[in-house]
Amino acid sequence: LLAAPSPLAIWLDVEPANSWSARRSLNDATVRGILDHLLTQPGHPLIGIYSNASFWQQIAGDWSSISVPEWIATGAPDPPGCPPGFAAGPVWLSQSTDGARDIDTVC
């Protein structure tokens, strides 16, 4: 049997390119349910959320009590430093672009 290695990290992708409800409360419940499930698994990997303040507001509204690591999609070329987070979690990564490829920065 072939077995896939366990992931070291899982980043939930919360951005408008995915399918989301027009009801933010349903989106919040979806994200919360996924997080609750993943975080209660024995030996779970790092769990975080990939988004930005604009996407998060559009999809999740004012829900800011979530405190898992954040990976911020800036969409900007070479932003200085790391942007502020969109919820209550620590910002671990920032993603910018040089027009040809994405550049991830550890915060």
PDB file of N, CA and C in Angstrom:
ATOM      1  N   LEU A   1       0.830  -1.182   0.000  1.00  0.00           N
ATOM      2  CA  LEU A   1       0.000   0.000   0.000  1.00  0.00           C
ATOM      3  C   LEU A   1       0.878   1.251   0.000  1.00  0.00           C
ATOM      4  N   LEU A   2       0.452   2.223  -0.733  1.00  0.00           N
ATOM      5  CA  LEU A   2       1.113   3.523  -0.711  1.00  0.00           C
ATOM      6  C   LEU A   2       0.352   4.423   0.249  1.00  0.00           C
ATOM      7  N   ALA A   3       1.085   5.167   1.011  1.00  0.00           N
ATOM      8  CA  ALA A   3       0.442   6.092   1.956  1.00  0.00           C
ATOM      9  C   ALA A   3       1.028   7.476   1.760  1.00  0.00           C
ATOM     10  N   ALA A   4       0.160   8.446   1.793  1.00  0.00           N
ATOM     11  CA  ALA A   4       0.615   9.838   1.679  1.00  0.00           C
ATOM     12  C   ALA A   4       1.140  10.291   3.031  1.00  0.00           C
ATOM     13  N   PRO A   5       2.195  11.092   3.026  1.00  0.00           N
ATOM     14  CA  PRO A   5       2.675  11.608   4.317  1.00  0.00           C
ATOM     15  C   PRO A   5       1.653  12.572   4.911  1.00  0.00           C
ATOM     16  N   SER A   6       1.640  12.643   6.213  1.00  0.00           N
ATOM     17  CA  SER A   6       0.735  13.581   6.878  1.00  0.00           C
ATOM     18  C   SER A   6       1.211  15.005   6.598  1.00  0.00           C
ATOM     19  N   PRO A   7       0.276  15.929   6.348  1.00  0.00           N
ATOM     20  CA  PRO A   7       0.692  17.314   6.098  1.00  0.00           C
ATOM     21  C   PRO A   7       1.231  17.964   7.361  1.00  0.00           C
ATOM     22  N   LEU A   8       2.166  18.880   7.176  1.00  0.00           N
ATOM     23  CA  LEU A   8       2.698  19.632   8.303  1.00  0.00           C
ATOM     24  C   LEU A   8       1.818  20.832   8.626  1.00  0.00           C
ATOM     25  N   ALA A   9       1.098  21.326   7.611  1.00  0.00           N
ATOM     26  CA  ALA A   9       0.216  22.482   7.796  1.00  0.00           C
ATOM     27  C   ALA A   9      -0.961  22.385   6.831  1.00  0.00           C
ATOM     28  N   ILE A  10      -2.079  22.896   7.264  1.00  0.00           N
ATOM     29  CA  ILE A  10      -3.265  23.022   6.403  1.00  0.00           C
ATOM     30  C   ILE A  10      -3.707  24.474   6.491  1.00  0.00           C
ATOM     31  N   TRP A  11      -3.775  25.141   5.331  1.00  0.00           N
ATOM     32  CA  TRP A  11      -4.231  26.533   5.273  1.00  0.00           C
ATOM     33  C   TRP A  11      -5.603  26.549   4.605  1.00  0.00           C
ATOM     34  N   LEU A  12      -6.621  26.987   5.321  1.00  0.00           N
ATOM     35  CA  LEU A  12      -7.959  27.120   4.746  1.00  0.00           C
ATOM     36  C   LEU A  12      -7.980  28.363   3.865  1.00  0.00           C
ATOM     37  N   ASP A  13      -8.398  28.209   2.644  1.00  0.00           N
ATOM     38  CA  ASP A  13      -8.387  29.270   1.646  1.00  0.00           C
ATOM     39  C   ASP A  13      -9.718  30.023   1.691  1.00  0.00           C
ATOM     40  N   VAL A  14      -9.718  31.217   2.268  1.00  0.00           N
ATOM     41  CA  VAL A  14     -10.939  32.020   2.392  1.00  0.00           C
ATOM     42  C   VAL A  14     -10.786  33.237   1.489  1.00  0.00           C
ATOM     43  N   GLU A  15     -11.210  33.070   0.239  1.00  0.00           N
ATOM     44  CA  GLU A  15     -11.166  34.145  -0.742  1.00  0.00           C
ATOM     45  C   GLU A  15     -12.328  33.989  -1.714  1.00  0.00           C
ATOM     46  N   PRO A  16     -12.741  35.074  -2.367  1.00  0.00           N
ATOM     47  CA  PRO A  16     -13.950  35.062  -3.181  1.00  0.00           C
ATOM     48  C   PRO A  16     -13.910  34.123  -4.384  1.00  0.00           C
ATOM     49  N   ALA A  17     -12.741  33.670  -4.811  1.00  0.00           N
ATOM     50  CA  ALA A  17     -12.663  32.757  -5.950  1.00  0.00           C
ATOM     51  C   ALA A  17     -13.307  31.403  -5.626  1.00  0.00           C
ATOM     52  N   ASN A  18     -13.481  31.113  -4.341  1.00  0.00           N
ATOM     53  CA  ASN A  18     -14.127  29.870  -3.924  1.00  0.00           C
ATOM     54  C   ASN A  18     -15.639  30.089  -3.839  1.00  0.00           C
ATOM     55  N   SER A  19     -16.380  29.032  -3.597  1.00  0.00           N
ATOM     56  CA  SER A  19     -17.840  29.126  -3.470  1.00  0.00           C
ATOM     57  C   SER A  19     -18.218  29.431  -2.025  1.00  0.00           C
ATOM     58  N   TRP A  20     -18.915  30.545  -1.822  1.00  0.00           N
ATOM     59  CA  TRP A  20     -19.355  30.954  -0.496  1.00  0.00           C
ATOM     60  C   TRP A  20     -20.807  31.386  -0.567  1.00  0.00           C
ATOM     61  N   SER A  21     -21.488  31.300   0.551  1.00  0.00           N
ATOM     62  CA  SER A  21     -22.860  31.756   0.652  1.00  0.00           C
ATOM     63  C   SER A  21     -22.903  33.284   0.710  1.00  0.00           C
ATOM     64  N   ALA A  22     -24.026  33.852   0.321  1.00  0.00           N
ATOM     65  CA  ALA A  22     -24.229  35.290   0.490  1.00  0.00           C
ATOM     66  C   ALA A  22     -24.477  35.601   1.975  1.00  0.00           C
ATOM     67  N   ARG A  23     -24.787  34.572   2.761  1.00  0.00           N
ATOM     68  CA  ARG A  23     -25.028  34.735   4.199  1.00  0.00           C
ATOM     69  C   ARG A  23     -23.726  34.493   4.961  1.00  0.00           C
ATOM     70  N   ARG A  24     -23.166  35.554   5.505  1.00  0.00           N
ATOM     71  CA  ARG A  24     -21.891  35.445   6.217  1.00  0.00           C
ATOM     72  C   ARG A  24     -21.975  34.492   7.401  1.00  0.00           C
ATOM     73  N   SER A  25     -23.125  34.417   8.040  1.00  0.00           N
ATOM     74  CA  SER A  25     -23.254  33.516   9.194  1.00  0.00           C
ATOM     75  C   SER A  25     -23.047  32.057   8.765  1.00  0.00           C
ATOM     76  N   LEU A  26     -23.480  31.696   7.573  1.00  0.00           N
ATOM     77  CA  LEU A  26     -23.243  30.336   7.071  1.00  0.00           C
ATOM     78  C   LEU A  26     -21.761  30.118   6.761  1.00  0.00           C
ATOM     79  N   ASN A  27     -21.115  31.138   6.214  1.00  0.00           N
ATOM     80  CA  ASN A  27     -19.678  31.031   5.938  1.00  0.00           C
ATOM     81  C   ASN A  27     -18.901  30.876   7.229  1.00  0.00           C
ATOM     82  N   ASP A  28     -19.267  31.664   8.255  1.00  0.00           N
ATOM     83  CA  ASP A  28     -18.613  31.565   9.559  1.00  0.00           C
ATOM     84  C   ASP A  28     -18.775  30.158  10.129  1.00  0.00           C
ATOM     85  N   ALA A  29     -19.991  29.627  10.030  1.00  0.00           N
ATOM     86  CA  ALA A  29     -20.256  28.280  10.551  1.00  0.00           C
ATOM     87  C   ALA A  29     -19.450  27.232   9.780  1.00  0.00           C
ATOM     88  N   THR A  30     -19.290  27.420   8.490  1.00  0.00           N
ATOM     89  CA  THR A  30     -18.506  26.488   7.682  1.00  0.00           C
ATOM     90  C   THR A  30     -17.039  26.506   8.110  1.00  0.00           C
ATOM     91  N   VAL A  31     -16.464  27.693   8.205  1.00  0.00           N
ATOM     92  CA  VAL A  31     -15.057  27.810   8.610  1.00  0.00           C
ATOM     93  C   VAL A  31     -14.881  27.278  10.032  1.00  0.00           C
ATOM     94  N   ARG A  32     -15.781  27.649  10.922  1.00  0.00           N
ATOM     95  CA  ARG A  32     -15.697  27.196  12.316  1.00  0.00           C
ATOM     96  C   ARG A  32     -15.794  25.670  12.388  1.00  0.00           C
ATOM     97  N   GLY A  33     -16.691  25.073  11.612  1.00  0.00           N
ATOM     98  CA  GLY A  33     -16.845  23.618  11.606  1.00  0.00           C
ATOM     99  C   GLY A  33     -15.605  22.906  11.088  1.00  0.00           C
ATOM    100  N   ILE A  34     -15.009  23.431  10.023  1.00  0.00           N
ATOM    101  CA  ILE A  34     -13.775  22.837   9.499  1.00  0.00           C
ATOM    102  C   ILE A  34     -12.669  22.939  10.535  1.00  0.00           C
ATOM    103  N   LEU A  35     -12.511  24.125  11.126  1.00  0.00           N
ATOM    104  CA  LEU A  35     -11.472  24.306  12.146  1.00  0.00           C
ATOM    105  C   LEU A  35     -11.704  23.387  13.342  1.00  0.00           C
ATOM    106  N   ASP A  36     -12.935  23.335  13.833  1.00  0.00           N
ATOM    107  CA  ASP A  36     -13.239  22.478  14.981  1.00  0.00           C
ATOM    108  C   ASP A  36     -12.887  21.026  14.678  1.00  0.00           C
ATOM    109  N   HIS A  37     -13.236  20.571  13.492  1.00  0.00           N
ATOM    110  CA  HIS A  37     -12.941  19.188  13.113  1.00  0.00           C
ATOM    111  C   HIS A  37     -11.437  18.948  13.051  1.00  0.00           C
ATOM    112  N   LEU A  38     -10.724  19.809  12.328  1.00  0.00           N
ATOM    113  CA  LEU A  38      -9.285  19.612  12.155  1.00  0.00           C
ATOM    114  C   LEU A  38      -8.518  19.733  13.472  1.00  0.00           C
ATOM    115  N   LEU A  39      -8.907  20.688  14.305  1.00  0.00           N
ATOM    116  CA  LEU A  39      -8.182  20.928  15.553  1.00  0.00           C
ATOM    117  C   LEU A  39      -8.428  19.866  16.617  1.00  0.00           C
ATOM    118  N   THR A  40      -9.472  19.054  16.453  1.00  0.00           N
ATOM    119  CA  THR A  40      -9.746  18.002  17.431  1.00  0.00           C
ATOM    120  C   THR A  40      -9.181  16.656  17.001  1.00  0.00           C
ATOM    121  N   GLN A  41      -8.562  16.573  15.832  1.00  0.00           N
ATOM    122  CA  GLN A  41      -7.963  15.323  15.384  1.00  0.00           C
ATOM    123  C   GLN A  41      -6.657  15.080  16.125  1.00  0.00           C
ATOM    124  N   PRO A  42      -6.411  13.849  16.537  1.00  0.00           N
ATOM    125  CA  PRO A  42      -5.152  13.563  17.234  1.00  0.00           C
ATOM    126  C   PRO A  42      -3.955  13.865  16.325  1.00  0.00           C
ATOM    127  N   GLY A  43      -2.952  14.515  16.893  1.00  0.00           N
ATOM    128  CA  GLY A  43      -1.743  14.806  16.134  1.00  0.00           C
ATOM    129  C   GLY A  43      -1.960  15.703  14.935  1.00  0.00           C
ATOM    130  N   HIS A  44      -2.928  16.591  15.025  1.00  0.00           N
ATOM    131  CA  HIS A  44      -3.252  17.446  13.881  1.00  0.00           C
ATOM    132  C   HIS A  44      -2.076  18.333  13.487  1.00  0.00           C
ATOM    133  N   PRO A  45      -1.991  18.662  12.194  1.00  0.00           N
ATOM    134  CA  PRO A  45      -0.938  19.592  11.757  1.00  0.00           C
ATOM    135  C   PRO A  45      -1.305  21.026  12.150  1.00  0.00           C
ATOM    136  N   LEU A  46      -0.404  21.949  11.853  1.00  0.00           N
ATOM    137  CA  LEU A  46      -0.709  23.370  12.030  1.00  0.00           C
ATOM    138  C   LEU A  46      -1.931  23.694  11.162  1.00  0.00           C
ATOM    139  N   ILE A  47      -2.880  24.408  11.712  1.00  0.00           N
ATOM    140  CA  ILE A  47      -4.072  24.819  10.975  1.00  0.00           C
ATOM    141  C   ILE A  47      -4.097  26.339  10.937  1.00  0.00           C
ATOM    142  N   GLY A  48      -4.225  26.932   9.746  1.00  0.00           N
ATOM    143  CA  GLY A  48      -4.275  28.376   9.603  1.00  0.00           C
ATOM    144  C   GLY A  48      -5.235  28.784   8.507  1.00  0.00           C
ATOM    145  N   ILE A  49      -5.369  30.085   8.315  1.00  0.00           N
ATOM    146  CA  ILE A  49      -6.277  30.619   7.295  1.00  0.00           C
ATOM    147  C   ILE A  49      -5.512  31.544   6.360  1.00  0.00           C
ATOM    148  N   TYR A  50      -5.708  31.323   5.055  1.00  0.00           N
ATOM    149  CA  TYR A  50      -5.142  32.165   4.007  1.00  0.00           C
ATOM    150  C   TYR A  50      -6.248  33.096   3.518  1.00  0.00           C
ATOM    151  N   SER A  51      -6.061  34.400   3.675  1.00  0.00           N
ATOM    152  CA  SER A  51      -7.061  35.385   3.253  1.00  0.00           C
ATOM    153  C   SER A  51      -6.419  36.768   3.346  1.00  0.00           C
ATOM    154  N   ASN A  52      -7.246  37.801   3.323  1.00  0.00           N
ATOM    155  CA  ASN A  52      -6.813  39.171   3.628  1.00  0.00           C
ATOM    156  C   ASN A  52      -8.015  39.902   4.201  1.00  0.00           C
ATOM    157  N   ALA A  53      -7.813  41.110   4.680  1.00  0.00           N
ATOM    158  CA  ALA A  53      -8.884  41.834   5.366  1.00  0.00           C
ATOM    159  C   ALA A  53     -10.111  42.044   4.477  1.00  0.00           C
ATOM    160  N   SER A  54      -9.898  42.382   3.226  1.00  0.00           N
ATOM    161  CA  SER A  54     -11.010  42.623   2.306  1.00  0.00           C
ATOM    162  C   SER A  54     -11.798  41.341   2.042  1.00  0.00           C
ATOM    163  N   PHE A  55     -11.092  40.252   1.717  1.00  0.00           N
ATOM    164  CA  PHE A  55     -11.760  38.970   1.468  1.00  0.00           C
ATOM    165  C   PHE A  55     -12.494  38.505   2.714  1.00  0.00           C
ATOM    166  N   TRP A  56     -11.807  38.596   3.865  1.00  0.00           N
ATOM    167  CA  TRP A  56     -12.393  38.129   5.116  1.00  0.00           C
ATOM    168  C   TRP A  56     -13.676  38.890   5.435  1.00  0.00           C
ATOM    169  N   GLN A  57     -13.661  40.204   5.283  1.00  0.00           N
ATOM    170  CA  GLN A  57     -14.845  41.022   5.554  1.00  0.00           C
ATOM    171  C   GLN A  57     -15.991  40.624   4.616  1.00  0.00           C
ATOM    172  N   GLN A  58     -15.675  40.436   3.356  1.00  0.00           N
ATOM    173  CA  GLN A  58     -16.684  40.070   2.357  1.00  0.00           C
ATOM    174  C   GLN A  58     -17.310  38.710   2.655  1.00  0.00           C
ATOM    175  N   ILE A  59     -16.509  37.756   3.110  1.00  0.00           N
ATOM    176  CA  ILE A  59     -16.977  36.378   3.293  1.00  0.00           C
ATOM    177  C   ILE A  59     -17.429  36.101   4.722  1.00  0.00           C
ATOM    178  N   ALA A  60     -16.663  36.559   5.703  1.00  0.00           N
ATOM    179  CA  ALA A  60     -16.946  36.229   7.102  1.00  0.00           C
ATOM    180  C   ALA A  60     -17.487  37.399   7.912  1.00  0.00           C
ATOM    181  N   GLY A  61     -17.480  38.580   7.333  1.00  0.00           N
ATOM    182  CA  GLY A  61     -18.000  39.743   8.053  1.00  0.00           C
ATOM    183  C   GLY A  61     -17.080  40.183   9.165  1.00  0.00           C
ATOM    184  N   ASP A  62     -17.654  40.518  10.305  1.00  0.00           N
ATOM    185  CA  ASP A  62     -16.893  41.063  11.431  1.00  0.00           C
ATOM    186  C   ASP A  62     -16.377  39.993  12.386  1.00  0.00           C
ATOM    187  N   TRP A  63     -16.459  38.733  11.999  1.00  0.00           N
ATOM    188  CA  TRP A  63     -15.991  37.658  12.864  1.00  0.00           C
ATOM    189  C   TRP A  63     -14.491  37.788  13.052  1.00  0.00           C
ATOM    190  N   SER A  64     -14.065  38.171  14.231  1.00  0.00           N
ATOM    191  CA  SER A  64     -12.644  38.408  14.460  1.00  0.00           C
ATOM    192  C   SER A  64     -12.104  37.667  15.677  1.00  0.00           C
ATOM    193  N   SER A  65     -12.873  36.753  16.233  1.00  0.00           N
ATOM    194  CA  SER A  65     -12.421  36.045  17.430  1.00  0.00           C
ATOM    195  C   SER A  65     -11.593  34.808  17.106  1.00  0.00           C
ATOM    196  N   ILE A  66     -11.457  34.493  15.855  1.00  0.00           N
ATOM    197  CA  ILE A  66     -10.690  33.322  15.449  1.00  0.00           C
ATOM    198  C   ILE A  66      -9.203  33.594  15.667  1.00  0.00           C
ATOM    199  N   SER A  67      -8.488  32.647  16.256  1.00  0.00           N
ATOM    200  CA  SER A  67      -7.104  32.939  16.622  1.00  0.00           C
ATOM    201  C   SER A  67      -6.097  31.914  16.096  1.00  0.00           C
ATOM    202  N   VAL A  68      -6.337  31.391  14.915  1.00  0.00           N
ATOM    203  CA  VAL A  68      -5.353  30.500  14.287  1.00  0.00           C
ATOM    204  C   VAL A  68      -4.389  31.353  13.452  1.00  0.00           C
ATOM    205  N   PRO A  69      -3.225  30.817  13.094  1.00  0.00           N
ATOM    206  CA  PRO A  69      -2.271  31.586  12.284  1.00  0.00           C
ATOM    207  C   PRO A  69      -2.894  32.092  10.981  1.00  0.00           C
ATOM    208  N   GLU A  70      -2.423  33.257  10.541  1.00  0.00           N
ATOM    209  CA  GLU A  70      -2.942  33.886   9.322  1.00  0.00           C
ATOM    210  C   GLU A  70      -1.829  34.028   8.284  1.00  0.00           C
ATOM    211  N   TRP A  71      -2.210  33.758   7.042  1.00  0.00           N
ATOM    212  CA  TRP A  71      -1.331  33.944   5.885  1.00  0.00           C
ATOM    213  C   TRP A  71      -2.034  34.997   5.045  1.00  0.00           C
ATOM    214  N   ILE A  72      -1.465  36.187   4.954  1.00  0.00           N
ATOM    215  CA  ILE A  72      -2.128  37.334   4.341  1.00  0.00           C
ATOM    216  C   ILE A  72      -1.772  37.447   2.859  1.00  0.00           C
ATOM    217  N   ALA A  73      -2.789  37.432   2.017  1.00  0.00           N
ATOM    218  CA  ALA A  73      -2.617  37.641   0.576  1.00  0.00           C
ATOM    219  C   ALA A  73      -2.697  39.140   0.304  1.00  0.00           C
ATOM    220  N   THR A  74      -1.567  39.764  -0.002  1.00  0.00           N
ATOM    221  CA  THR A  74      -1.585  41.217  -0.198  1.00  0.00           C
ATOM    222  C   THR A  74      -1.934  41.606  -1.626  1.00  0.00           C
ATOM    223  N   GLY A  75      -1.527  40.787  -2.605  1.00  0.00           N
ATOM    224  CA  GLY A  75      -1.762  41.129  -4.002  1.00  0.00           C
ATOM    225  C   GLY A  75      -0.900  42.276  -4.487  1.00  0.00           C
ATOM    226  N   ALA A  76      -0.068  42.813  -3.626  1.00  0.00           N
ATOM    227  CA  ALA A  76       0.763  43.964  -3.970  1.00  0.00           C
ATOM    228  C   ALA A  76       2.187  43.518  -4.279  1.00  0.00           C
ATOM    229  N   PRO A  77       2.891  44.277  -5.073  1.00  0.00           N
ATOM    230  CA  PRO A  77       4.307  43.963  -5.281  1.00  0.00           C
ATOM    231  C   PRO A  77       5.152  44.430  -4.100  1.00  0.00           C
ATOM    232  N   ASP A  78       5.981  43.542  -3.607  1.00  0.00           N
ATOM    233  CA  ASP A  78       6.960  43.859  -2.567  1.00  0.00           C
ATOM    234  C   ASP A  78       6.445  44.780  -1.464  1.00  0.00           C
ATOM    235  N   PRO A  79       5.427  44.370  -0.697  1.00  0.00           N
ATOM    236  CA  PRO A  79       4.968  45.251   0.393  1.00  0.00           C
ATOM    237  C   PRO A  79       6.028  45.323   1.493  1.00  0.00           C
ATOM    238  N   PRO A  80       6.175  46.471   2.122  1.00  0.00           N
ATOM    239  CA  PRO A  80       7.140  46.566   3.217  1.00  0.00           C
ATOM    240  C   PRO A  80       6.608  45.854   4.459  1.00  0.00           C
ATOM    241  N   GLY A  81       7.387  44.994   5.040  1.00  0.00           N
ATOM    242  CA  GLY A  81       6.994  44.323   6.274  1.00  0.00           C
ATOM    243  C   GLY A  81       5.793  43.417   6.089  1.00  0.00           C
ATOM    244  N   CYS A  82       5.143  43.135   7.176  1.00  0.00           N
ATOM    245  CA  CYS A  82       3.976  42.262   7.161  1.00  0.00           C
ATOM    246  C   CYS A  82       2.725  43.073   7.467  1.00  0.00           C
ATOM    247  N   PRO A  83       1.648  42.812   6.737  1.00  0.00           N
ATOM    248  CA  PRO A  83       0.408  43.560   6.961  1.00  0.00           C
ATOM    249  C   PRO A  83      -0.276  43.126   8.254  1.00  0.00           C
ATOM    250  N   PRO A  84      -1.198  43.942   8.748  1.00  0.00           N
ATOM    251  CA  PRO A  84      -1.966  43.532   9.924  1.00  0.00           C
ATOM    252  C   PRO A  84      -2.887  42.367   9.564  1.00  0.00           C
ATOM    253  N   GLY A  85      -3.246  41.596  10.554  1.00  0.00           N
ATOM    254  CA  GLY A  85      -4.118  40.453  10.337  1.00  0.00           C
ATOM    255  C   GLY A  85      -5.564  40.845  10.110  1.00  0.00           C
ATOM    256  N   PHE A  86      -6.369  39.864   9.749  1.00  0.00           N
ATOM    257  CA  PHE A  86      -7.792  40.098   9.481  1.00  0.00           C
ATOM    258  C   PHE A  86      -8.669  39.603  10.633  1.00  0.00           C
ATOM    259  N   ALA A  87      -8.097  38.833  11.556  1.00  0.00           N
ATOM    260  CA  ALA A  87      -8.849  38.328  12.709  1.00  0.00           C
ATOM    261  C   ALA A  87      -7.949  38.435  13.934  1.00  0.00           C
ATOM    262  N   ALA A  88      -8.029  37.507  14.859  1.00  0.00           N
ATOM    263  CA  ALA A  88      -7.257  37.610  16.100  1.00  0.00           C
ATOM    264  C   ALA A  88      -6.010  36.737  16.114  1.00  0.00           C
ATOM    265  N   GLY A  89      -5.750  36.040  15.017  1.00  0.00           N
ATOM    266  CA  GLY A  89      -4.591  35.154  14.982  1.00  0.00           C
ATOM    267  C   GLY A  89      -3.305  35.887  14.674  1.00  0.00           C
ATOM    268  N   PRO A  90      -2.178  35.261  14.963  1.00  0.00           N
ATOM    269  CA  PRO A  90      -0.900  35.870  14.614  1.00  0.00           C
ATOM    270  C   PRO A  90      -0.666  35.767  13.103  1.00  0.00           C
ATOM    271  N   VAL A  91      -0.074  36.791  12.512  1.00  0.00           N
ATOM    272  CA  VAL A  91       0.257  36.754  11.085  1.00  0.00           C
ATOM    273  C   VAL A  91       1.587  36.011  10.947  1.00  0.00           C
ATOM    274  N   TRP A  92       1.558  34.890  10.257  1.00  0.00           N
ATOM    275  CA  TRP A  92       2.761  34.068  10.078  1.00  0.00           C
ATOM    276  C   TRP A  92       3.417  34.304   8.733  1.00  0.00           C
ATOM    277  N   LEU A  93       2.592  34.560   7.702  1.00  0.00           N
ATOM    278  CA  LEU A  93       3.115  34.718   6.347  1.00  0.00           C
ATOM    279  C   LEU A  93       2.410  35.858   5.633  1.00  0.00           C
ATOM    280  N   SER A  94       3.120  36.456   4.690  1.00  0.00           N
ATOM    281  CA  SER A  94       2.553  37.481   3.820  1.00  0.00           C
ATOM    282  C   SER A  94       2.877  37.065   2.387  1.00  0.00           C
ATOM    283  N   GLN A  95       1.908  37.191   1.493  1.00  0.00           N
ATOM    284  CA  GLN A  95       2.141  36.817   0.101  1.00  0.00           C
ATOM    285  C   GLN A  95       1.970  38.029  -0.801  1.00  0.00           C
ATOM    286  N   SER A  96       3.028  38.370  -1.526  1.00  0.00           N
ATOM    287  CA  SER A  96       2.983  39.464  -2.497  1.00  0.00           C
ATOM    288  C   SER A  96       3.270  38.873  -3.874  1.00  0.00           C
ATOM    289  N   THR A  97       3.403  39.735  -4.860  1.00  0.00           N
ATOM    290  CA  THR A  97       3.693  39.264  -6.208  1.00  0.00           C
ATOM    291  C   THR A  97       4.694  40.198  -6.873  1.00  0.00           C
ATOM    292  N   ASP A  98       5.467  39.653  -7.773  1.00  0.00           N
ATOM    293  CA  ASP A  98       6.349  40.493  -8.588  1.00  0.00           C
ATOM    294  C   ASP A  98       5.803  40.593 -10.009  1.00  0.00           C
ATOM    295  N   GLY A  99       4.577  40.156 -10.203  1.00  0.00           N
ATOM    296  CA  GLY A  99       3.922  40.182 -11.515  1.00  0.00           C
ATOM    297  C   GLY A  99       4.042  38.864 -12.256  1.00  0.00           C
ATOM    298  N   ALA A 100       5.058  38.079 -11.924  1.00  0.00           N
ATOM    299  CA  ALA A 100       5.244  36.788 -12.586  1.00  0.00           C
ATOM    300  C   ALA A 100       5.061  35.624 -11.626  1.00  0.00           C
ATOM    301  N   ARG A 101       5.333  35.852 -10.350  1.00  0.00           N
ATOM    302  CA  ARG A 101       5.221  34.766  -9.375  1.00  0.00           C
ATOM    303  C   ARG A 101       4.852  35.357  -8.005  1.00  0.00           C
ATOM    304  N   ASP A 102       4.335  34.477  -7.145  1.00  0.00           N
ATOM    305  CA  ASP A 102       4.014  34.872  -5.772  1.00  0.00           C
ATOM    306  C   ASP A 102       5.271  34.779  -4.916  1.00  0.00           C
ATOM    307  N   ILE A 103       5.377  35.692  -3.959  1.00  0.00           N
ATOM    308  CA  ILE A 103       6.507  35.723  -3.044  1.00  0.00           C
ATOM    309  C   ILE A 103       5.953  35.674  -1.624  1.00  0.00           C
ATOM    310  N   ASP A 104       6.338  34.644  -0.882  1.00  0.00           N
ATOM    311  CA  ASP A 104       5.879  34.499   0.499  1.00  0.00           C
ATOM    312  C   ASP A 104       6.972  34.948   1.456  1.00  0.00           C
ATOM    313  N   THR A 105       6.569  35.740   2.452  1.00  0.00           N
ATOM    314  CA  THR A 105       7.494  36.272   3.437  1.00  0.00           C
ATOM    315  C   THR A 105       7.070  35.799   4.814  1.00  0.00           C
ATOM    316  N   VAL A 106       8.016  35.320   5.582  1.00  0.00           N
ATOM    317  CA  VAL A 106       7.737  34.914   6.967  1.00  0.00           C
ATOM    318  C   VAL A 106       7.665  36.190   7.804  1.00  0.00           C
ATOM    319  N   CYS A 107       6.631  36.283   8.633  1.00  0.00           N
ATOM    320  CA  CYS A 107       6.441  37.492   9.443  1.00  0.00           C
ATOM    321  C   CYS A 107       7.011  37.338  10.841  1.00  0.00           C
TER     322      CYS A 107
END
